[in-house]
PDB file of N, CA and C in Angstrom:
ATOM      1  N   MET A   1       4.489   1.755   4.603  1.00  0.00           N
ATOM      2  CA  MET A   1       6.184   1.709   4.795  1.00  0.00           C
ATOM      3  C   MET A   1       6.064   3.012   4.469  1.00  0.00           C
ATOM      4  N   ARG A   2       7.618   3.406   4.811  1.00  0.00           N
ATOM      5  CA  ARG A   2       8.107   4.560   4.782  1.00  0.00           C
ATOM      6  C   ARG A   2       9.727   4.209   4.893  1.00  0.00           C
ATOM      7  N   TYR A   3      10.388   5.552   4.867  1.00  0.00           N
ATOM      8  CA  TYR A   3      11.814   5.734   4.628  1.00  0.00           C
ATOM      9  C   TYR A   3      12.219   6.481   5.849  1.00  0.00           C
ATOM     10  N   GLU A   4      13.244   6.203   6.493  1.00  0.00           N
ATOM     11  CA  GLU A   4      13.603   7.202   7.603  1.00  0.00           C
ATOM     12  C   GLU A   4      15.108   7.895   7.474  1.00  0.00           C
ATOM     13  N   GLY A   5      15.152   9.519   7.377  1.00  0.00           N
ATOM     14  CA  GLY A   5      16.204  10.035   7.084  1.00  0.00           C
ATOM     15  C   GLY A   5      17.007   9.675   5.732  1.00  0.00           C
ATOM     16  N   SER A   6      18.000   9.596   5.277  1.00  0.00           N
ATOM     17  CA  SER A   6      18.550   8.999   4.255  1.00  0.00           C
ATOM     18  C   SER A   6      18.508   7.603   3.924  1.00  0.00           C
ATOM     19  N   SER A   7      17.993   6.603   4.502  1.00  0.00           N
ATOM     20  CA  SER A   7      18.242   5.509   4.784  1.00  0.00           C
ATOM     21  C   SER A   7      17.183   4.861   3.374  1.00  0.00           C
ATOM     22  N   THR A   8      17.695   3.943   2.528  1.00  0.00           N
ATOM     23  CA  THR A   8      17.290   3.811   1.244  1.00  0.00           C
ATOM     24  C   THR A   8      16.197   2.296   1.799  1.00  0.00           C
ATOM     25  N   ASP A   9      16.311   1.873   2.808  1.00  0.00           N
ATOM     26  CA  ASP A   9      15.509   0.817   3.157  1.00  0.00           C
ATOM     27  C   ASP A   9      14.248   1.102   3.714  1.00  0.00           C
ATOM     28  N   PRO A  10      13.098   0.445   3.300  1.00  0.00           N
ATOM     29  CA  PRO A  10      11.840   0.680   3.703  1.00  0.00           C
ATOM     30  C   PRO A  10      11.511   0.050   5.462  1.00  0.00           C
ATOM     31  N   LYS A  11      10.661   0.920   6.045  1.00  0.00           N
ATOM     32  CA  LYS A  11      10.543   0.458   7.336  1.00  0.00           C
ATOM     33  C   LYS A  11       9.079   0.370   7.440  1.00  0.00           C
ATOM     34  N   PRO A  12       8.570  -0.208   8.459  1.00  0.00           N
ATOM     35  CA  PRO A  12       7.168  -0.448   9.067  1.00  0.00           C
ATOM     36  C   PRO A  12       6.653   1.028   9.054  1.00  0.00           C
ATOM     37  N   ALA A  13       5.304   0.977   8.817  1.00  0.00           N
ATOM     38  CA  ALA A  13       4.351   2.203   8.779  1.00  0.00           C
ATOM     39  C   ALA A  13       3.268   1.286   9.331  1.00  0.00           C
ATOM     40  N   VAL A  14       2.179   1.852   8.529  1.00  0.00           N
ATOM     41  CA  VAL A  14       0.935   0.872   8.516  1.00  0.00           C
ATOM     42  C   VAL A  14       1.016  -0.455   8.673  1.00  0.00           C
ATOM     43  N   ALA A  15       1.690  -0.705   8.024  1.00  0.00           N
ATOM     44  CA  ALA A  15       2.391  -2.429   7.995  1.00  0.00           C
ATOM     45  C   ALA A  15       3.434  -2.871   8.613  1.00  0.00           C
ATOM     46  N   GLU A  16       3.073  -3.716   9.729  1.00  0.00           N
ATOM     47  CA  GLU A  16       3.937  -3.764  10.551  1.00  0.00           C
ATOM     48  C   GLU A  16       5.294  -4.766  10.088  1.00  0.00           C
ATOM     49  N   LYS A  17       5.010  -5.589   9.256  1.00  0.00           N
ATOM     50  CA  LYS A  17       5.846  -6.328   8.547  1.00  0.00           C
ATOM     51  C   LYS A  17       5.312  -6.851   7.158  1.00  0.00           C
ATOM     52  N   TRP A  18       6.159  -7.676   6.319  1.00  0.00           N
ATOM     53  CA  TRP A  18       5.827  -7.669   5.302  1.00  0.00           C
ATOM     54  C   TRP A  18       6.484  -8.995   4.744  1.00  0.00           C
ATOM     55  N   GLU A  19       6.256  -9.895   3.775  1.00  0.00           N
ATOM     56  CA  GLU A  19       6.830 -11.133   3.704  1.00  0.00           C
ATOM     57  C   GLU A  19       6.797 -11.245   1.904  1.00  0.00           C
ATOM     58  N   VAL A  20       7.946 -11.670   1.289  1.00  0.00           N
ATOM     59  CA  VAL A  20       7.840 -11.530  -0.372  1.00  0.00           C
ATOM     60  C   VAL A  20       8.003 -13.112  -0.637  1.00  0.00           C
ATOM     61  N   SER A  21       6.944 -13.650  -1.526  1.00  0.00           N
ATOM     62  CA  SER A  21       7.442 -15.116  -1.777  1.00  0.00           C
ATOM     63  C   SER A  21       8.529 -15.459  -2.721  1.00  0.00           C
ATOM     64  N   PRO A  22       9.048 -16.467  -2.340  1.00  0.00           N
ATOM     65  CA  PRO A  22      10.375 -17.155  -2.859  1.00  0.00           C
ATOM     66  C   PRO A  22      10.132 -16.473  -4.540  1.00  0.00           C
ATOM     67  N   ASP A  23       9.427 -16.503  -5.325  1.00  0.00           N
ATOM     68  CA  ASP A  23       9.516 -16.226  -6.533  1.00  0.00           C
ATOM     69  C   ASP A  23       8.925 -14.809  -6.877  1.00  0.00           C
ATOM     70  N   GLY A  24       8.731 -14.079  -5.836  1.00  0.00           N
ATOM     71  CA  GLY A  24       8.620 -12.726  -6.031  1.00  0.00           C
ATOM     72  C   GLY A  24       7.522 -12.180  -6.230  1.00  0.00           C
ATOM     73  N   LEU A  25       6.573 -12.855  -6.527  1.00  0.00           N
ATOM     74  CA  LEU A  25       5.213 -12.109  -7.252  1.00  0.00           C
ATOM     75  C   LEU A  25       3.900 -12.433  -6.118  1.00  0.00           C
ATOM     76  N   VAL A  26       4.392 -12.098  -4.685  1.00  0.00           N
ATOM     77  CA  VAL A  26       3.396 -12.158  -3.882  1.00  0.00           C
ATOM     78  C   VAL A  26       3.871 -11.471  -2.746  1.00  0.00           C
ATOM     79  N   TYR A  27       3.129 -10.299  -2.439  1.00  0.00           N
ATOM     80  CA  TYR A  27       3.535  -9.548  -1.391  1.00  0.00           C
ATOM     81  C   TYR A  27       2.938  -9.669  -0.031  1.00  0.00           C
ATOM     82  N   THR A  28       2.835 -10.324   1.174  1.00  0.00           N
ATOM     83  CA  THR A  28       1.992 -10.272   2.265  1.00  0.00           C
ATOM     84  C   THR A  28       2.366  -9.370   3.355  1.00  0.00           C
ATOM     85  N   PHE A  29       1.447  -8.220   3.374  1.00  0.00           N
ATOM     86  CA  PHE A  29       1.755  -7.232   4.663  1.00  0.00           C
ATOM     87  C   PHE A  29       0.487  -7.458   5.344  1.00  0.00           C
ATOM     88  N   TYR A  30       1.048  -7.120   6.831  1.00  0.00           N
ATOM     89  CA  TYR A  30       0.791  -7.823   8.235  1.00  0.00           C
ATOM     90  C   TYR A  30       0.516  -6.175   8.516  1.00  0.00           C
ATOM     91  N   LEU A  31      -0.783  -5.826   8.808  1.00  0.00           N
ATOM     92  CA  LEU A  31      -1.096  -4.438   8.887  1.00  0.00           C
ATOM     93  C   LEU A  31      -1.366  -4.195  10.533  1.00  0.00           C
ATOM     94  N   ARG A  32      -0.858  -2.828  10.895  1.00  0.00           N
ATOM     95  CA  ARG A  32      -0.692  -2.513  12.448  1.00  0.00           C
ATOM     96  C   ARG A  32      -2.111  -2.500  12.993  1.00  0.00           C
ATOM     97  N   LYS A  33      -2.746  -3.120  13.763  1.00  0.00           N
ATOM     98  CA  LYS A  33      -4.086  -3.138  14.430  1.00  0.00           C
ATOM     99  C   LYS A  33      -4.390  -1.707  14.989  1.00  0.00           C
ATOM    100  N   GLY A  34      -5.352  -1.333  15.252  1.00  0.00           N
ATOM    101  CA  GLY A  34      -5.370   0.112  16.064  1.00  0.00           C
ATOM    102  C   GLY A  34      -5.163   1.304  15.190  1.00  0.00           C
ATOM    103  N   VAL A  35      -4.508   1.275  13.873  1.00  0.00           N
ATOM    104  CA  VAL A  35      -4.544   2.368  13.245  1.00  0.00           C
ATOM    105  C   VAL A  35      -6.058   3.005  12.850  1.00  0.00           C
ATOM    106  N   LYS A  36      -5.942   4.461  13.163  1.00  0.00           N
ATOM    107  CA  LYS A  36      -7.508   5.156  12.415  1.00  0.00           C
ATOM    108  C   LYS A  36      -6.871   6.233  11.838  1.00  0.00           C
ATOM    109  N   PHE A  37      -8.100   6.639  10.528  1.00  0.00           N
ATOM    110  CA  PHE A  37      -7.630   7.917   9.957  1.00  0.00           C
ATOM    111  C   PHE A  37      -8.400   8.906  11.085  1.00  0.00           C
ATOM    112  N   TYR A  38      -7.409  10.025  10.747  1.00  0.00           N
ATOM    113  CA  TYR A  38      -7.712  11.471  11.535  1.00  0.00           C
ATOM    114  C   TYR A  38      -8.479  12.453  10.469  1.00  0.00           C
ATOM    115  N   PRO A  39      -9.326  13.184  10.647  1.00  0.00           N
ATOM    116  CA  PRO A  39      -9.888  13.234  12.134  1.00  0.00           C
ATOM    117  C   PRO A  39     -11.029  12.241  12.285  1.00  0.00           C
ATOM    118  N   SER A  40     -11.533  11.532  11.345  1.00  0.00           N
ATOM    119  CA  SER A  40     -12.633  10.601  11.156  1.00  0.00           C
ATOM    120  C   SER A  40     -12.871   9.549  12.428  1.00  0.00           C
ATOM    121  N   GLY A  41     -11.869   8.996  12.504  1.00  0.00           N
ATOM    122  CA  GLY A  41     -11.477   8.183  13.598  1.00  0.00           C
ATOM    123  C   GLY A  41     -11.553   6.453  13.022  1.00  0.00           C
ATOM    124  N   ASP A  42     -12.230   6.467  11.656  1.00  0.00           N
ATOM    125  CA  ASP A  42     -12.667   5.103  10.634  1.00  0.00           C
ATOM    126  C   ASP A  42     -11.113   4.128  10.926  1.00  0.00           C
ATOM    127  N   PRO A  43     -11.653   3.125  10.820  1.00  0.00           N
ATOM    128  CA  PRO A  43     -10.206   2.343  10.759  1.00  0.00           C
ATOM    129  C   PRO A  43      -9.530   2.025   9.567  1.00  0.00           C
ATOM    130  N   PHE A  44      -8.388   1.859  10.055  1.00  0.00           N
ATOM    131  CA  PHE A  44      -7.862   1.519   8.702  1.00  0.00           C
ATOM    132  C   PHE A  44      -6.973   0.130   8.906  1.00  0.00           C
ATOM    133  N   ASP A  45      -7.748  -0.794   7.334  1.00  0.00           N
ATOM    134  CA  ASP A  45      -7.789  -2.469   7.889  1.00  0.00           C
ATOM    135  C   ASP A  45      -7.681  -3.077   6.460  1.00  0.00           C
ATOM    136  N   ALA A  46      -7.554  -3.883   6.408  1.00  0.00           N
ATOM    137  CA  ALA A  46      -7.405  -4.789   4.854  1.00  0.00           C
ATOM    138  C   ALA A  46      -8.266  -4.334   3.898  1.00  0.00           C
ATOM    139  N   THR A  47      -9.736  -4.056   4.306  1.00  0.00           N
ATOM    140  CA  THR A  47     -10.439  -3.882   3.063  1.00  0.00           C
ATOM    141  C   THR A  47     -10.143  -2.304   2.519  1.00  0.00           C
ATOM    142  N   VAL A  48      -9.349  -1.327   3.355  1.00  0.00           N
ATOM    143  CA  VAL A  48      -9.155  -0.232   2.948  1.00  0.00           C
ATOM    144  C   VAL A  48      -7.928  -0.116   2.035  1.00  0.00           C
ATOM    145  N   VAL A  49      -6.758  -0.827   2.414  1.00  0.00           N
ATOM    146  CA  VAL A  49      -5.623  -1.581   1.467  1.00  0.00           C
ATOM    147  C   VAL A  49      -6.177  -2.073  -0.146  1.00  0.00           C
ATOM    148  N   LYS A  50      -6.926  -2.563   0.418  1.00  0.00           N
ATOM    149  CA  LYS A  50      -7.484  -3.492  -1.355  1.00  0.00           C
ATOM    150  C   LYS A  50      -8.188  -2.432  -2.093  1.00  0.00           C
ATOM    151  N   TRP A  51      -9.313  -1.896  -1.449  1.00  0.00           N
ATOM    152  CA  TRP A  51      -9.641  -0.520  -2.121  1.00  0.00           C
ATOM    153  C   TRP A  51      -8.870   0.174  -2.995  1.00  0.00           C
ATOM    154  N   ASN A  52      -7.820   1.005  -2.013  1.00  0.00           N
ATOM    155  CA  ASN A  52      -6.970   1.774  -2.340  1.00  0.00           C
ATOM    156  C   ASN A  52      -5.865   1.092  -3.869  1.00  0.00           C
ATOM    157  N   TYR A  53      -5.828   0.152  -3.563  1.00  0.00           N
ATOM    158  CA  TYR A  53      -4.657  -0.929  -4.543  1.00  0.00           C
ATOM    159  C   TYR A  53      -6.174  -0.737  -5.701  1.00  0.00           C
ATOM    160  N   ASP A  54      -6.856  -1.345  -5.792  1.00  0.00           N
ATOM    161  CA  ASP A  54      -8.068  -1.917  -7.005  1.00  0.00           C
ATOM    162  C   ASP A  54      -8.159  -0.508  -7.150  1.00  0.00           C
ATOM    163  N   ASP A  55      -8.161   0.559  -6.751  1.00  0.00           N
ATOM    164  CA  ASP A  55      -8.665   2.078  -7.091  1.00  0.00           C
ATOM    165  C   ASP A  55      -7.254   2.358  -8.347  1.00  0.00           C
ATOM    166  N   ILE A  56      -6.157   1.766  -8.400  1.00  0.00           N
ATOM    167  CA  ILE A  56      -5.212   1.974  -9.370  1.00  0.00           C
ATOM    168  C   ILE A  56      -5.774   1.719 -10.985  1.00  0.00           C
ATOM    169  N   LEU A  57      -6.882   0.360 -10.900  1.00  0.00           N
ATOM    170  CA  LEU A  57      -7.313   0.249 -12.115  1.00  0.00           C
ATOM    171  C   LEU A  57      -8.748   0.729 -12.363  1.00  0.00           C
ATOM    172  N   ARG A  58      -9.090   1.171 -11.745  1.00  0.00           N
ATOM    173  CA  ARG A  58     -10.604   1.810 -11.949  1.00  0.00           C
ATOM    174  C   ARG A  58     -10.222   3.072 -13.030  1.00  0.00           C
ATOM    175  N   PRO A  59     -10.985   3.286 -14.107  1.00  0.00           N
ATOM    176  CA  PRO A  59     -11.195   4.327 -14.600  1.00  0.00           C
ATOM    177  C   PRO A  59     -10.929   5.626 -14.603  1.00  0.00           C
ATOM    178  N   GLY A  60     -10.377   6.257 -14.605  1.00  0.00           N
ATOM    179  CA  GLY A  60      -9.845   7.593 -14.577  1.00  0.00           C
ATOM    180  C   GLY A  60      -9.399   8.200 -12.893  1.00  0.00           C
ATOM    181  N   SER A  61      -9.223   7.098 -12.666  1.00  0.00           N
ATOM    182  CA  SER A  61      -8.413   7.091 -11.239  1.00  0.00           C
ATOM    183  C   SER A  61      -7.519   7.753 -11.315  1.00  0.00           C
ATOM    184  N   LEU A  62      -6.995   8.742  -9.846  1.00  0.00           N
ATOM    185  CA  LEU A  62      -5.794   9.613 -10.014  1.00  0.00           C
ATOM    186  C   LEU A  62      -4.727   9.108  -9.252  1.00  0.00           C
ATOM    187  N   ALA A  63      -4.998   7.590  -9.235  1.00  0.00           N
ATOM    188  CA  ALA A  63      -3.816   6.766  -7.983  1.00  0.00           C
ATOM    189  C   ALA A  63      -2.591   6.838  -8.691  1.00  0.00           C
ATOM    190  N   LEU A  64      -1.950   5.746  -8.664  1.00  0.00           N
ATOM    191  CA  LEU A  64      -0.553   5.593  -8.777  1.00  0.00           C
ATOM    192  C   LEU A  64      -0.513   5.453 -10.669  1.00  0.00           C
ATOM    193  N   THR A  65      -1.587   5.446 -11.211  1.00  0.00           N
ATOM    194  CA  THR A  65      -1.689   5.351 -12.752  1.00  0.00           C
ATOM    195  C   THR A  65      -0.772   6.787 -13.174  1.00  0.00           C
ATOM    196  N   ASP A  66      -1.331   8.008 -12.538  1.00  0.00           N
ATOM    197  CA  ASP A  66      -0.533   9.638 -12.951  1.00  0.00           C
ATOM    198  C   ASP A  66       0.842   9.366 -12.586  1.00  0.00           C
ATOM    199  N   LEU A  67       1.067   8.868 -11.319  1.00  0.00           N
ATOM    200  CA  LEU A  67       2.608   9.112 -11.385  1.00  0.00           C
ATOM    201  C   LEU A  67       3.635   8.433 -12.034  1.00  0.00           C
ATOM    202  N   PHE A  68       3.204   7.241 -12.160  1.00  0.00           N
ATOM    203  CA  PHE A  68       3.893   5.936 -13.068  1.00  0.00           C
ATOM    204  C   PHE A  68       3.687   5.781 -14.719  1.00  0.00           C
ATOM    205  N   GLY A  69       3.101   6.756 -15.227  1.00  0.00           N
ATOM    206  CA  GLY A  69       2.579   7.307 -16.738  1.00  0.00           C
ATOM    207  C   GLY A  69       1.450   6.550 -17.414  1.00  0.00           C
ATOM    208  N   GLY A  70       0.507   6.457 -16.716  1.00  0.00           N
ATOM    209  CA  GLY A  70      -0.749   6.111 -17.288  1.00  0.00           C
ATOM    210  C   GLY A  70      -0.921   4.702 -16.762  1.00  0.00           C
ATOM    211  N   PRO A  71      -2.248   4.055 -17.218  1.00  0.00           N
ATOM    212  CA  PRO A  71      -2.737   2.990 -17.151  1.00  0.00           C
ATOM    213  C   PRO A  71      -1.729   1.874 -17.909  1.00  0.00           C
ATOM    214  N   LYS A  72      -1.128   2.118 -19.026  1.00  0.00           N
ATOM    215  CA  LYS A  72      -0.240   1.003 -19.771  1.00  0.00           C
ATOM    216  C   LYS A  72       1.090   0.790 -18.726  1.00  0.00           C
ATOM    217  N   SER A  73       1.348   1.419 -18.060  1.00  0.00           N
ATOM    218  CA  SER A  73       2.683   1.156 -17.247  1.00  0.00           C
ATOM    219  C   SER A  73       2.180   0.748 -15.563  1.00  0.00           C
ATOM    220  N   VAL A  74       1.085   0.640 -15.290  1.00  0.00           N
ATOM    221  CA  VAL A  74       0.793   0.236 -13.780  1.00  0.00           C
ATOM    222  C   VAL A  74       1.333  -1.342 -13.609  1.00  0.00           C
ATOM    223  N   GLN A  75       2.070  -1.635 -12.712  1.00  0.00           N
ATOM    224  CA  GLN A  75       2.398  -2.577 -12.406  1.00  0.00           C
ATOM    225  C   GLN A  75       1.649  -3.735 -11.482  1.00  0.00           C
ATOM    226  N   TYR A  76       0.458  -3.762 -11.410  1.00  0.00           N
ATOM    227  CA  TYR A  76      -0.346  -3.943 -10.623  1.00  0.00           C
ATOM    228  C   TYR A  76      -1.170  -4.926 -11.003  1.00  0.00           C
ATOM    229  N   ASP A  77      -1.513  -6.169 -10.551  1.00  0.00           N
ATOM    230  CA  ASP A  77      -2.525  -6.905 -10.751  1.00  0.00           C
ATOM    231  C   ASP A  77      -4.046  -6.972  -9.860  1.00  0.00           C
ATOM    232  N   HIS A  78      -4.058  -7.608  -8.604  1.00  0.00           N
ATOM    233  CA  HIS A  78      -4.816  -7.359  -7.595  1.00  0.00           C
ATOM    234  C   HIS A  78      -4.345  -7.658  -6.503  1.00  0.00           C
ATOM    235  N   THR A  79      -5.582  -7.541  -5.618  1.00  0.00           N
ATOM    236  CA  THR A  79      -5.147  -7.733  -4.119  1.00  0.00           C
ATOM    237  C   THR A  79      -5.956  -8.632  -3.187  1.00  0.00           C
ATOM    238  N   GLU A  80      -5.565  -9.580  -2.163  1.00  0.00           N
ATOM    239  CA  GLU A  80      -6.276 -10.455  -1.680  1.00  0.00           C
ATOM    240  C   GLU A  80      -6.598 -10.620  -0.061  1.00  0.00           C
ATOM    241  N   ILE A  81      -7.394  -9.872   0.183  1.00  0.00           N
ATOM    242  CA  ILE A  81      -7.706  -9.994   1.546  1.00  0.00           C
ATOM    243  C   ILE A  81      -7.853 -11.719   2.554  1.00  0.00           C
ATOM    244  N   VAL A  82      -6.819 -11.515   3.296  1.00  0.00           N
ATOM    245  CA  VAL A  82      -6.339 -12.794   3.977  1.00  0.00           C
ATOM    246  C   VAL A  82      -7.491 -12.672   4.897  1.00  0.00           C
ATOM    247  N   ASP A  83      -7.404 -11.830   5.935  1.00  0.00           N
ATOM    248  CA  ASP A  83      -8.011 -11.220   7.310  1.00  0.00           C
ATOM    249  C   ASP A  83      -8.084  -9.675   7.430  1.00  0.00           C
ATOM    250  N   ASN A  84      -8.752  -9.378   8.438  1.00  0.00           N
ATOM    251  CA  ASN A  84      -8.854  -8.110   8.636  1.00  0.00           C
ATOM    252  C   ASN A  84      -7.354  -7.115   8.735  1.00  0.00           C
ATOM    253  N   TYR A  85      -6.312  -7.687   8.707  1.00  0.00           N
ATOM    254  CA  TYR A  85      -5.058  -7.157   9.330  1.00  0.00           C
ATOM    255  C   TYR A  85      -4.133  -7.519   8.360  1.00  0.00           C
ATOM    256  N   THR A  86      -4.403  -8.605   6.852  1.00  0.00           N
ATOM    257  CA  THR A  86      -3.618  -9.256   6.690  1.00  0.00           C
ATOM    258  C   THR A  86      -4.049  -9.203   4.980  1.00  0.00           C
ATOM    259  N   VAL A  87      -2.679  -8.699   4.104  1.00  0.00           N
ATOM    260  CA  VAL A  87      -3.554  -8.680   2.945  1.00  0.00           C
ATOM    261  C   VAL A  87      -2.135  -9.010   1.956  1.00  0.00           C
ATOM    262  N   LYS A  88      -2.842  -9.740   0.557  1.00  0.00           N
ATOM    263  CA  LYS A  88      -1.458 -10.250  -0.489  1.00  0.00           C
ATOM    264  C   LYS A  88      -1.874  -9.119  -1.654  1.00  0.00           C
ATOM    265  N   ILE A  89      -0.719  -8.877  -1.791  1.00  0.00           N
ATOM    266  CA  ILE A  89      -0.893  -8.366  -3.256  1.00  0.00           C
ATOM    267  C   ILE A  89       0.059  -8.504  -4.209  1.00  0.00           C
ATOM    268  N   PHE A  90      -0.849  -8.455  -5.290  1.00  0.00           N
ATOM    269  CA  PHE A  90       0.173  -9.550  -6.464  1.00  0.00           C
ATOM    270  C   PHE A  90       0.265  -8.250  -7.558  1.00  0.00           C
ATOM    271  N   PRO A  91       1.661  -7.685  -7.724  1.00  0.00           N
ATOM    272  CA  PRO A  91       1.866  -6.877  -8.697  1.00  0.00           C
ATOM    273  C   PRO A  91       2.227  -7.865  -9.954  1.00  0.00           C
ATOM    274  N   LYS A  92       2.264  -7.052 -10.907  1.00  0.00           N
ATOM    275  CA  LYS A  92       2.874  -7.655 -12.029  1.00  0.00           C
ATOM    276  C   LYS A  92       4.136  -7.826 -11.900  1.00  0.00           C
ATOM    277  N   PRO A  93       5.121  -8.623 -12.355  1.00  0.00           N
ATOM    278  CA  PRO A  93       6.701  -8.865 -12.128  1.00  0.00           C
ATOM    279  C   PRO A  93       7.598  -7.269 -12.071  1.00  0.00           C
ATOM    280  N   LEU A  94       7.544  -6.936 -10.680  1.00  0.00           N
ATOM    281  CA  LEU A  94       8.364  -5.757 -10.697  1.00  0.00           C
ATOM    282  C   LEU A  94       9.717  -5.790  -8.915  1.00  0.00           C
ATOM    283  N   ALA A  95      10.707  -5.753  -9.879  1.00  0.00           N
ATOM    284  CA  ALA A  95      12.075  -5.827  -8.802  1.00  0.00           C
ATOM    285  C   ALA A  95      11.893  -4.928  -7.755  1.00  0.00           C
ATOM    286  N   LEU A  96      11.137  -3.637  -7.844  1.00  0.00           N
ATOM    287  CA  LEU A  96      11.417  -2.637  -7.009  1.00  0.00           C
ATOM    288  C   LEU A  96      10.016  -2.492  -6.406  1.00  0.00           C
ATOM    289  N   PHE A  97       9.326  -3.084  -6.522  1.00  0.00           N
ATOM    290  CA  PHE A  97       7.585  -3.056  -6.140  1.00  0.00           C
ATOM    291  C   PHE A  97       7.665  -2.257  -4.300  1.00  0.00           C
ATOM    292  N   ILE A  98       8.343  -3.122  -3.462  1.00  0.00           N
ATOM    293  CA  ILE A  98       8.787  -2.835  -1.740  1.00  0.00           C
ATOM    294  C   ILE A  98       9.087  -1.222  -1.851  1.00  0.00           C
ATOM    295  N   ARG A  99      10.218  -0.934  -2.992  1.00  0.00           N
ATOM    296  CA  ARG A  99      10.702   0.391  -2.515  1.00  0.00           C
ATOM    297  C   ARG A  99       9.597   1.501  -3.204  1.00  0.00           C
ATOM    298  N   MET A 100       8.652   1.262  -4.383  1.00  0.00           N
ATOM    299  CA  MET A 100       7.432   1.996  -4.668  1.00  0.00           C
ATOM    300  C   MET A 100       6.594   1.932  -3.832  1.00  0.00           C
ATOM    301  N   VAL A 101       6.166   1.117  -3.035  1.00  0.00           N
ATOM    302  CA  VAL A 101       5.148   1.353  -2.316  1.00  0.00           C
ATOM    303  C   VAL A 101       5.945   2.276  -0.864  1.00  0.00           C
ATOM    304  N   SER A 102       6.792   2.009  -0.750  1.00  0.00           N
ATOM    305  CA  SER A 102       7.199   2.735   0.393  1.00  0.00           C
ATOM    306  C   SER A 102       7.496   4.566  -0.126  1.00  0.00           C
ATOM    307  N   PHE A 103       7.712   4.547  -1.092  1.00  0.00           N
ATOM    308  CA  PHE A 103       7.665   5.863  -1.772  1.00  0.00           C
ATOM    309  C   PHE A 103       6.422   6.780  -2.117  1.00  0.00           C
ATOM    310  N   VAL A 104       5.574   6.189  -2.783  1.00  0.00           N
ATOM    311  CA  VAL A 104       4.063   6.746  -3.060  1.00  0.00           C
ATOM    312  C   VAL A 104       3.063   6.521  -1.799  1.00  0.00           C
ATOM    313  N   ALA A 105       3.098   7.917  -1.638  1.00  0.00           N
ATOM    314  CA  ALA A 105       1.927   7.847  -0.363  1.00  0.00           C
ATOM    315  C   ALA A 105       0.765   8.107  -1.192  1.00  0.00           C
ATOM    316  N   HIS A 106      -0.243   7.221  -0.591  1.00  0.00           N
ATOM    317  CA  HIS A 106      -1.477   7.039  -1.187  1.00  0.00           C
ATOM    318  C   HIS A 106      -2.610   8.050  -0.603  1.00  0.00           C
ATOM    319  N   GLN A 107      -2.201   9.587  -0.737  1.00  0.00           N
ATOM    320  CA  GLN A 107      -2.594  10.589   0.158  1.00  0.00           C
ATOM    321  C   GLN A 107      -3.393  11.398  -1.032  1.00  0.00           C
ATOM    322  N   ARG A 108      -4.390  10.839  -1.491  1.00  0.00           N
ATOM    323  CA  ARG A 108      -5.216  11.444  -2.654  1.00  0.00           C
ATOM    324  C   ARG A 108      -6.327  13.001  -1.558  1.00  0.00           C
ATOM    325  N   GLU A 109      -7.392  12.693  -1.746  1.00  0.00           N
ATOM    326  CA  GLU A 109      -8.554  13.250  -0.988  1.00  0.00           C
ATOM    327  C   GLU A 109      -8.737  12.249   0.376  1.00  0.00           C
ATOM    328  N   GLY A 110      -8.936  12.717   1.282  1.00  0.00           N
ATOM    329  CA  GLY A 110      -9.481  12.285   2.570  1.00  0.00           C
ATOM    330  C   GLY A 110      -8.750  12.416   3.645  1.00  0.00           C
ATOM    331  N   PRO A 111      -8.819  11.721   4.914  1.00  0.00           N
ATOM    332  CA  PRO A 111      -8.297  11.998   6.212  1.00  0.00           C
ATOM    333  C   PRO A 111      -6.642  11.179   6.268  1.00  0.00           C
ATOM    334  N   SER A 112      -6.170  11.868   6.941  1.00  0.00           N
ATOM    335  CA  SER A 112      -4.843  11.034   7.269  1.00  0.00           C
ATOM    336  C   SER A 112      -4.454  10.426   8.129  1.00  0.00           C
ATOM    337  N   LEU A 113      -3.292   9.710   7.768  1.00  0.00           N
ATOM    338  CA  LEU A 113      -3.257   8.401   8.725  1.00  0.00           C
ATOM    339  C   LEU A 113      -2.039   8.820   9.869  1.00  0.00           C
ATOM    340  N   ASP A 114      -1.620   9.749   9.802  1.00  0.00           N
ATOM    341  CA  ASP A 114      -0.327  10.149  10.105  1.00  0.00           C
ATOM    342  C   ASP A 114      -0.756  10.276  12.048  1.00  0.00           C
ATOM    343  N   ALA A 115      -1.496  10.787  12.199  1.00  0.00           N
ATOM    344  CA  ALA A 115      -1.809  11.037  13.629  1.00  0.00           C
ATOM    345  C   ALA A 115      -1.814   9.742  14.610  1.00  0.00           C
ATOM    346  N   SER A 116      -1.957   8.512  13.888  1.00  0.00           N
ATOM    347  CA  SER A 116      -1.852   7.696  14.805  1.00  0.00           C
ATOM    348  C   SER A 116      -0.921   6.442  14.179  1.00  0.00           C
ATOM    349  N   LEU A 117       0.171   7.197  13.581  1.00  0.00           N
ATOM    350  CA  LEU A 117       1.443   6.318  13.554  1.00  0.00           C
ATOM    351  C   LEU A 117       2.418   6.121  15.060  1.00  0.00           C
ATOM    352  N   PRO A 118       2.968   4.894  15.278  1.00  0.00           N
ATOM    353  CA  PRO A 118       4.246   4.951  16.424  1.00  0.00           C
ATOM    354  C   PRO A 118       5.004   6.359  16.087  1.00  0.00           C
TER     355      PRO A 118
END
């Protein structure tokens, strides 16, 4: 997800669409098919998303924990893979989860996805 211009409404990027459960505790993301990492050409799929979110909880990770104040402030519980292009993310209750996902780029080390986005 991303922001365009001065808009504060998240727009689809590598997720074509998303749904939030009525209780706000489950976020289902439908991933865009055919997205590949540049320059390797490795596919972007549900396994990659799960790995990146699970990395938040790994000791010593430089993922979101650094940006949001360390492991004790992480608002993430787990991710479930539904199929190759669908994931369910279970954050700890957090009203701004969608905005946080749109704001934070998981660009640490490694190839970029930008070259394959529409």
